[in-house]
Amino acid sequence: MRPELAAKLKAGGCTLYFDTNEIRGRYADEVKAFNNFCRQIQRLRKVDEKAPSVKVFAVNYFEMMHQLRRSLTRQIFDESVIAASLQTLEIPIVPLDLENANGCAKHLHHWFPTDAHWSDAKKPANDRATVDWLISTHVCATDAILITSDGGNEFRESQIAGRCVKRSELTAFIDSWLKSFESP
């Protein structure tokens, strides 16, 4: 893990957010890893008050619900499955309120100040804006760390790229942090 992210985590008060694919994956294959990671954070928070917290943006929650609906083989849609899991793991859902939306828009405008810049940024996504732009700007507006393995344009601007970490790196770091509290 990059030293500046490790220092930020150890300093305390840090919030971790996830790209939706790191929570659920395309077909819910990441859910177990996400749940295990969140339990690991819960254990760490019990022994170190400086440990980071995990939060989920409302837009991630929306994506999770959408993916759940798409993956159903029967017609029963029960969003309580995801809501109950987040509640059990003590993960709050951060709303996209007016203040957050304004912060996201400011970051996006700063990154792409002209129509030409914005058009160029969207080309790899077939000229569409993706939810990932909202996730990346939301993280920047909150000064948090984002867990993602997505290397798309949405996560390449220097302001967000410096805050992205792969879950495997972070898991190893958290494991080491937890071990430092074990008795010899």
C-alpha atoms as a PDB file:
ATOM      1  CA  MET A   1       0.000   0.000   0.000  1.00  0.00           C
ATOM      2  CA  ARG A   2       1.205   3.492  -0.770  1.00  0.00           C
ATOM      3  CA  PRO A   3       2.757   5.127   2.319  1.00  0.00           C
ATOM      4  CA  GLU A   4       0.544   8.249   2.114  1.00  0.00           C
ATOM      5  CA  LEU A   5      -2.633   6.125   2.258  1.00  0.00           C
ATOM      6  CA  ALA A   6      -1.259   4.053   5.136  1.00  0.00           C
ATOM      7  CA  ALA A   7      -0.462   7.254   7.041  1.00  0.00           C
ATOM      8  CA  LYS A   8      -3.923   8.626   6.340  1.00  0.00           C
ATOM      9  CA  LEU A   9      -5.528   5.439   7.670  1.00  0.00           C
ATOM     10  CA  LYS A  10      -3.365   5.341  10.800  1.00  0.00           C
ATOM     11  CA  ALA A  11      -3.982   9.043  11.551  1.00  0.00           C
ATOM     12  CA  GLY A  12      -7.601   8.301  12.371  1.00  0.00           C
ATOM     13  CA  GLY A  13     -10.946   9.584  11.250  1.00  0.00           C
ATOM     14  CA  CYS A  14     -10.632   8.089   7.782  1.00  0.00           C
ATOM     15  CA  THR A  15     -13.665   6.857   5.867  1.00  0.00           C
ATOM     16  CA  LEU A  16     -13.546   4.036   3.352  1.00  0.00           C
ATOM     17  CA  TYR A  17     -15.932   3.909   0.424  1.00  0.00           C
ATOM     18  CA  PHE A  18     -16.253   1.158  -2.155  1.00  0.00           C
ATOM     19  CA  ASP A  19     -16.771   1.090  -5.871  1.00  0.00           C
ATOM     20  CA  THR A  20     -19.938  -0.977  -6.306  1.00  0.00           C
ATOM     21  CA  ASN A  21     -18.112  -3.777  -8.100  1.00  0.00           C
ATOM     22  CA  GLU A  22     -15.975  -4.198  -4.977  1.00  0.00           C
ATOM     23  CA  ILE A  23     -19.109  -4.625  -2.888  1.00  0.00           C
ATOM     24  CA  ARG A  24     -21.163  -6.859  -5.071  1.00  0.00           C
ATOM     25  CA  GLY A  25     -19.322  -7.581  -8.277  1.00  0.00           C
ATOM     26  CA  ARG A  26     -21.212  -8.025 -11.487  1.00  0.00           C
ATOM     27  CA  TYR A  27     -22.994 -11.151 -10.313  1.00  0.00           C
ATOM     28  CA  ALA A  28     -22.791 -10.887  -6.518  1.00  0.00           C
ATOM     29  CA  ASP A  29     -19.538 -12.849  -6.388  1.00  0.00           C
ATOM     30  CA  GLU A  30     -17.802 -10.182  -4.284  1.00  0.00           C
ATOM     31  CA  VAL A  31     -20.391  -9.947  -1.508  1.00  0.00           C
ATOM     32  CA  LYS A  32     -18.664 -12.469   0.747  1.00  0.00           C
ATOM     33  CA  ALA A  33     -15.313 -10.670   0.431  1.00  0.00           C
ATOM     34  CA  PHE A  34     -16.991  -7.316   1.147  1.00  0.00           C
ATOM     35  CA  ASN A  35     -18.763  -8.722   4.218  1.00  0.00           C
ATOM     36  CA  ASN A  36     -15.529 -10.301   5.493  1.00  0.00           C
ATOM     37  CA  PHE A  37     -13.667  -7.027   5.004  1.00  0.00           C
ATOM     38  CA  CYS A  38     -16.338  -5.090   6.914  1.00  0.00           C
ATOM     39  CA  ARG A  39     -16.209  -7.604   9.787  1.00  0.00           C
ATOM     40  CA  GLN A  40     -12.438  -7.170   9.805  1.00  0.00           C
ATOM     41  CA  ILE A  41     -12.900  -3.392  10.121  1.00  0.00           C
ATOM     42  CA  GLN A  42     -15.413  -3.951  12.948  1.00  0.00           C
ATOM     43  CA  ARG A  43     -12.808  -6.036  14.835  1.00  0.00           C
ATOM     44  CA  LEU A  44     -10.179  -3.352  14.302  1.00  0.00           C
ATOM     45  CA  ARG A  45     -12.504  -0.580  15.479  1.00  0.00           C
ATOM     46  CA  LYS A  46     -12.998  -2.473  18.757  1.00  0.00           C
ATOM     47  CA  VAL A  47      -9.278  -2.341  19.537  1.00  0.00           C
ATOM     48  CA  ASP A  48      -8.264   0.954  17.928  1.00  0.00           C
ATOM     49  CA  GLU A  49     -10.431   4.060  17.979  1.00  0.00           C
ATOM     50  CA  LYS A  50      -8.417   5.464  15.058  1.00  0.00           C
ATOM     51  CA  ALA A  51      -9.491   2.648  12.747  1.00  0.00           C
ATOM     52  CA  PRO A  52     -11.313   3.703   9.591  1.00  0.00           C
ATOM     53  CA  SER A  53     -15.046   3.456   9.148  1.00  0.00           C
ATOM     54  CA  VAL A  54     -16.877   2.049   6.135  1.00  0.00           C
ATOM     55  CA  LYS A  55     -19.734   3.899   4.486  1.00  0.00           C
ATOM     56  CA  VAL A  56     -21.750   3.353   1.326  1.00  0.00           C
ATOM     57  CA  PHE A  57     -22.949   6.124  -0.960  1.00  0.00           C
ATOM     58  CA  ALA A  58     -26.623   6.115  -1.893  1.00  0.00           C
ATOM     59  CA  VAL A  59     -25.557   5.704  -5.518  1.00  0.00           C
ATOM     60  CA  ASN A  60     -23.777   2.436  -4.598  1.00  0.00           C
ATOM     61  CA  TYR A  61     -26.904   1.293  -2.819  1.00  0.00           C
ATOM     62  CA  PHE A  62     -28.898   2.093  -5.960  1.00  0.00           C
ATOM     63  CA  GLU A  63     -26.454   0.108  -8.105  1.00  0.00           C
ATOM     64  CA  MET A  64     -26.598  -2.829  -5.697  1.00  0.00           C
ATOM     65  CA  MET A  65     -30.389  -2.820  -5.841  1.00  0.00           C
ATOM     66  CA  HIS A  66     -30.331  -2.617  -9.621  1.00  0.00           C
ATOM     67  CA  GLN A  67     -27.872  -5.510  -9.868  1.00  0.00           C
ATOM     68  CA  LEU A  68     -29.942  -7.551  -7.433  1.00  0.00           C
ATOM     69  CA  ARG A  69     -33.042  -7.004  -9.528  1.00  0.00           C
ATOM     70  CA  ARG A  70     -31.216  -7.957 -12.732  1.00  0.00           C
ATOM     71  CA  SER A  71     -29.872 -11.160 -11.181  1.00  0.00           C
ATOM     72  CA  LEU A  72     -33.204 -12.481  -9.937  1.00  0.00           C
ATOM     73  CA  THR A  73     -34.405 -15.720 -11.428  1.00  0.00           C
ATOM     74  CA  ARG A  74     -37.827 -15.227  -9.924  1.00  0.00           C
ATOM     75  CA  GLN A  75     -39.911 -12.095  -9.864  1.00  0.00           C
ATOM     76  CA  ILE A  76     -39.697 -11.367  -6.121  1.00  0.00           C
ATOM     77  CA  PHE A  77     -37.587  -8.285  -5.421  1.00  0.00           C
ATOM     78  CA  ASP A  78     -36.639  -7.943  -1.770  1.00  0.00           C
ATOM     79  CA  GLU A  79     -34.332  -5.015  -1.110  1.00  0.00           C
ATOM     80  CA  SER A  80     -34.268  -5.852   2.596  1.00  0.00           C
ATOM     81  CA  VAL A  81     -31.559  -8.422   1.823  1.00  0.00           C
ATOM     82  CA  ILE A  82     -29.047  -5.672   1.104  1.00  0.00           C
ATOM     83  CA  ALA A  83     -30.374  -3.198   3.675  1.00  0.00           C
ATOM     84  CA  ALA A  84     -30.229  -5.817   6.446  1.00  0.00           C
ATOM     85  CA  SER A  85     -26.694  -6.815   5.499  1.00  0.00           C
ATOM     86  CA  LEU A  86     -25.461  -3.207   5.624  1.00  0.00           C
ATOM     87  CA  GLN A  87     -27.235  -2.645   8.925  1.00  0.00           C
ATOM     88  CA  THR A  88     -25.712  -5.799  10.440  1.00  0.00           C
ATOM     89  CA  LEU A  89     -22.283  -4.626   9.361  1.00  0.00           C
ATOM     90  CA  GLU A  90     -23.014  -1.154  10.838  1.00  0.00           C
ATOM     91  CA  ILE A  91     -22.488   0.572   7.493  1.00  0.00           C
ATOM     92  CA  PRO A  92     -24.394   3.809   7.030  1.00  0.00           C
ATOM     93  CA  ILE A  93     -25.700   4.880   3.646  1.00  0.00           C
ATOM     94  CA  VAL A  94     -24.601   8.417   2.782  1.00  0.00           C
ATOM     95  CA  PRO A  95     -27.324  10.298   0.891  1.00  0.00           C
ATOM     96  CA  LEU A  96     -26.761  12.261  -2.256  1.00  0.00           C
ATOM     97  CA  ASP A  97     -28.178  15.438  -0.820  1.00  0.00           C
ATOM     98  CA  LEU A  98     -27.848  18.929  -2.262  1.00  0.00           C
ATOM     99  CA  GLU A  99     -24.533  19.633  -0.538  1.00  0.00           C
ATOM    100  CA  ASN A 100     -22.978  16.383  -1.771  1.00  0.00           C
ATOM    101  CA  ALA A 101     -24.380  16.830  -5.290  1.00  0.00           C
ATOM    102  CA  ASN A 102     -22.900  20.341  -5.477  1.00  0.00           C
ATOM    103  CA  GLY A 103     -19.515  19.056  -4.264  1.00  0.00           C
ATOM    104  CA  CYS A 104     -19.550  16.279  -6.866  1.00  0.00           C
ATOM    105  CA  ALA A 105     -20.451  18.695  -9.656  1.00  0.00           C
ATOM    106  CA  LYS A 106     -17.667  21.087  -8.644  1.00  0.00           C
ATOM    107  CA  HIS A 107     -15.080  18.316  -8.765  1.00  0.00           C
ATOM    108  CA  LEU A 108     -16.304  17.063 -12.121  1.00  0.00           C
ATOM    109  CA  HIS A 109     -16.222  20.582 -13.558  1.00  0.00           C
ATOM    110  CA  HIS A 110     -12.714  21.117 -12.190  1.00  0.00           C
ATOM    111  CA  TRP A 111     -11.523  17.893 -13.837  1.00  0.00           C
ATOM    112  CA  PHE A 112     -13.274  18.606 -17.153  1.00  0.00           C
ATOM    113  CA  PRO A 113     -13.781  22.368 -17.494  1.00  0.00           C
ATOM    114  CA  THR A 114     -14.825  22.337 -21.151  1.00  0.00           C
ATOM    115  CA  ASP A 115     -17.225  20.316 -23.270  1.00  0.00           C
ATOM    116  CA  ALA A 116     -14.256  18.980 -25.224  1.00  0.00           C
ATOM    117  CA  HIS A 117     -12.554  17.705 -22.049  1.00  0.00           C
ATOM    118  CA  TRP A 118     -15.776  16.056 -20.901  1.00  0.00           C
ATOM    119  CA  SER A 119     -16.421  14.483 -24.317  1.00  0.00           C
ATOM    120  CA  ASP A 120     -12.889  13.078 -24.431  1.00  0.00           C
ATOM    121  CA  ALA A 121     -13.261  11.626 -20.940  1.00  0.00           C
ATOM    122  CA  LYS A 122     -16.486   9.826 -21.861  1.00  0.00           C
ATOM    123  CA  LYS A 123     -15.230   8.279 -25.130  1.00  0.00           C
ATOM    124  CA  PRO A 124     -14.048   5.003 -23.546  1.00  0.00           C
ATOM    125  CA  ALA A 125     -17.605   4.605 -22.179  1.00  0.00           C
ATOM    126  CA  ASN A 126     -19.187   5.155 -25.614  1.00  0.00           C
ATOM    127  CA  ASP A 127     -19.842   8.828 -24.817  1.00  0.00           C
ATOM    128  CA  ARG A 128     -21.890   8.009 -21.730  1.00  0.00           C
ATOM    129  CA  ALA A 129     -21.383   9.320 -18.250  1.00  0.00           C
ATOM    130  CA  THR A 130     -21.280   6.477 -15.751  1.00  0.00           C
ATOM    131  CA  VAL A 131     -22.235   6.186 -12.099  1.00  0.00           C
ATOM    132  CA  ASP A 132     -18.516   5.837 -11.396  1.00  0.00           C
ATOM    133  CA  TRP A 133     -18.058   9.583 -12.066  1.00  0.00           C
ATOM    134  CA  LEU A 134     -20.465  10.233  -9.215  1.00  0.00           C
ATOM    135  CA  ILE A 135     -18.646   7.786  -6.938  1.00  0.00           C
ATOM    136  CA  SER A 136     -15.200   9.238  -7.700  1.00  0.00           C
ATOM    137  CA  THR A 137     -16.263  12.860  -7.237  1.00  0.00           C
ATOM    138  CA  HIS A 138     -18.178  11.954  -4.076  1.00  0.00           C
ATOM    139  CA  VAL A 139     -14.999  10.470  -2.585  1.00  0.00           C
ATOM    140  CA  CYS A 140     -13.057  13.617  -3.468  1.00  0.00           C
ATOM    141  CA  ALA A 141     -15.744  15.818  -1.945  1.00  0.00           C
ATOM    142  CA  THR A 142     -15.407  13.887   1.328  1.00  0.00           C
ATOM    143  CA  ASP A 143     -11.612  13.434   1.529  1.00  0.00           C
ATOM    144  CA  ALA A 144     -11.994   9.678   1.915  1.00  0.00           C
ATOM    145  CA  ILE A 145     -10.331   6.592   0.432  1.00  0.00           C
ATOM    146  CA  LEU A 146     -11.944   4.515  -2.307  1.00  0.00           C
ATOM    147  CA  ILE A 147     -11.559   0.763  -2.591  1.00  0.00           C
ATOM    148  CA  THR A 148     -11.587  -0.112  -6.286  1.00  0.00           C
ATOM    149  CA  SER A 149      -9.735  -2.142  -8.860  1.00  0.00           C
ATOM    150  CA  ASP A 150     -11.387  -0.233 -11.707  1.00  0.00           C
ATOM    151  CA  GLY A 151      -8.851   1.543 -13.867  1.00  0.00           C
ATOM    152  CA  GLY A 152     -11.402   3.451 -15.932  1.00  0.00           C
ATOM    153  CA  ASN A 153     -11.299   7.156 -16.742  1.00  0.00           C
ATOM    154  CA  GLU A 154     -13.611   7.813 -13.802  1.00  0.00           C
ATOM    155  CA  PHE A 155     -10.753   6.985 -11.422  1.00  0.00           C
ATOM    156  CA  ARG A 156      -7.745   8.394 -13.306  1.00  0.00           C
ATOM    157  CA  GLU A 157      -7.804  12.074 -12.376  1.00  0.00           C
ATOM    158  CA  SER A 158      -4.923  12.725  -9.996  1.00  0.00           C
ATOM    159  CA  GLN A 159      -7.194  13.847  -7.178  1.00  0.00           C
ATOM    160  CA  ILE A 160      -9.051  10.504  -7.107  1.00  0.00           C
ATOM    161  CA  ALA A 161      -6.249   8.236  -8.341  1.00  0.00           C
ATOM    162  CA  GLY A 162      -4.212   9.084  -5.254  1.00  0.00           C
ATOM    163  CA  ARG A 163      -7.078   7.950  -3.038  1.00  0.00           C
ATOM    164  CA  CYS A 164      -7.776   4.599  -4.691  1.00  0.00           C
ATOM    165  CA  VAL A 165      -6.565   1.324  -3.243  1.00  0.00           C
ATOM    166  CA  LYS A 166      -7.243  -2.292  -4.109  1.00  0.00           C
ATOM    167  CA  ARG A 167      -9.111  -4.287  -1.503  1.00  0.00           C
ATOM    168  CA  SER A 168      -6.372  -6.943  -1.414  1.00  0.00           C
ATOM    169  CA  GLU A 169      -3.788  -4.302  -0.448  1.00  0.00           C
ATOM    170  CA  LEU A 170      -6.051  -2.798   2.163  1.00  0.00           C
ATOM    171  CA  THR A 171      -6.980  -6.203   3.593  1.00  0.00           C
ATOM    172  CA  ALA A 172      -3.308  -7.056   4.090  1.00  0.00           C
ATOM    173  CA  PHE A 173      -2.735  -3.670   5.756  1.00  0.00           C
ATOM    174  CA  ILE A 174      -5.735  -4.111   8.077  1.00  0.00           C
ATOM    175  CA  ASP A 175      -4.598  -7.685   8.928  1.00  0.00           C
ATOM    176  CA  SER A 176      -1.213  -6.335   9.926  1.00  0.00           C
ATOM    177  CA  TRP A 177      -2.837  -3.560  11.949  1.00  0.00           C
ATOM    178  CA  LEU A 178      -4.999  -6.108  13.780  1.00  0.00           C
ATOM    179  CA  LYS A 179      -1.993  -8.338  14.491  1.00  0.00           C
ATOM    180  CA  SER A 180      -0.234  -5.437  16.181  1.00  0.00           C
ATOM    181  CA  PHE A 181      -2.866  -5.701  18.950  1.00  0.00           C
ATOM    182  CA  GLU A 182      -2.406  -9.429  19.528  1.00  0.00           C
ATOM    183  CA  SER A 183      -0.533 -10.383  22.651  1.00  0.00           C
ATOM    184  CA  PRO A 184       2.903 -11.992  22.111  1.00  0.00           C
END
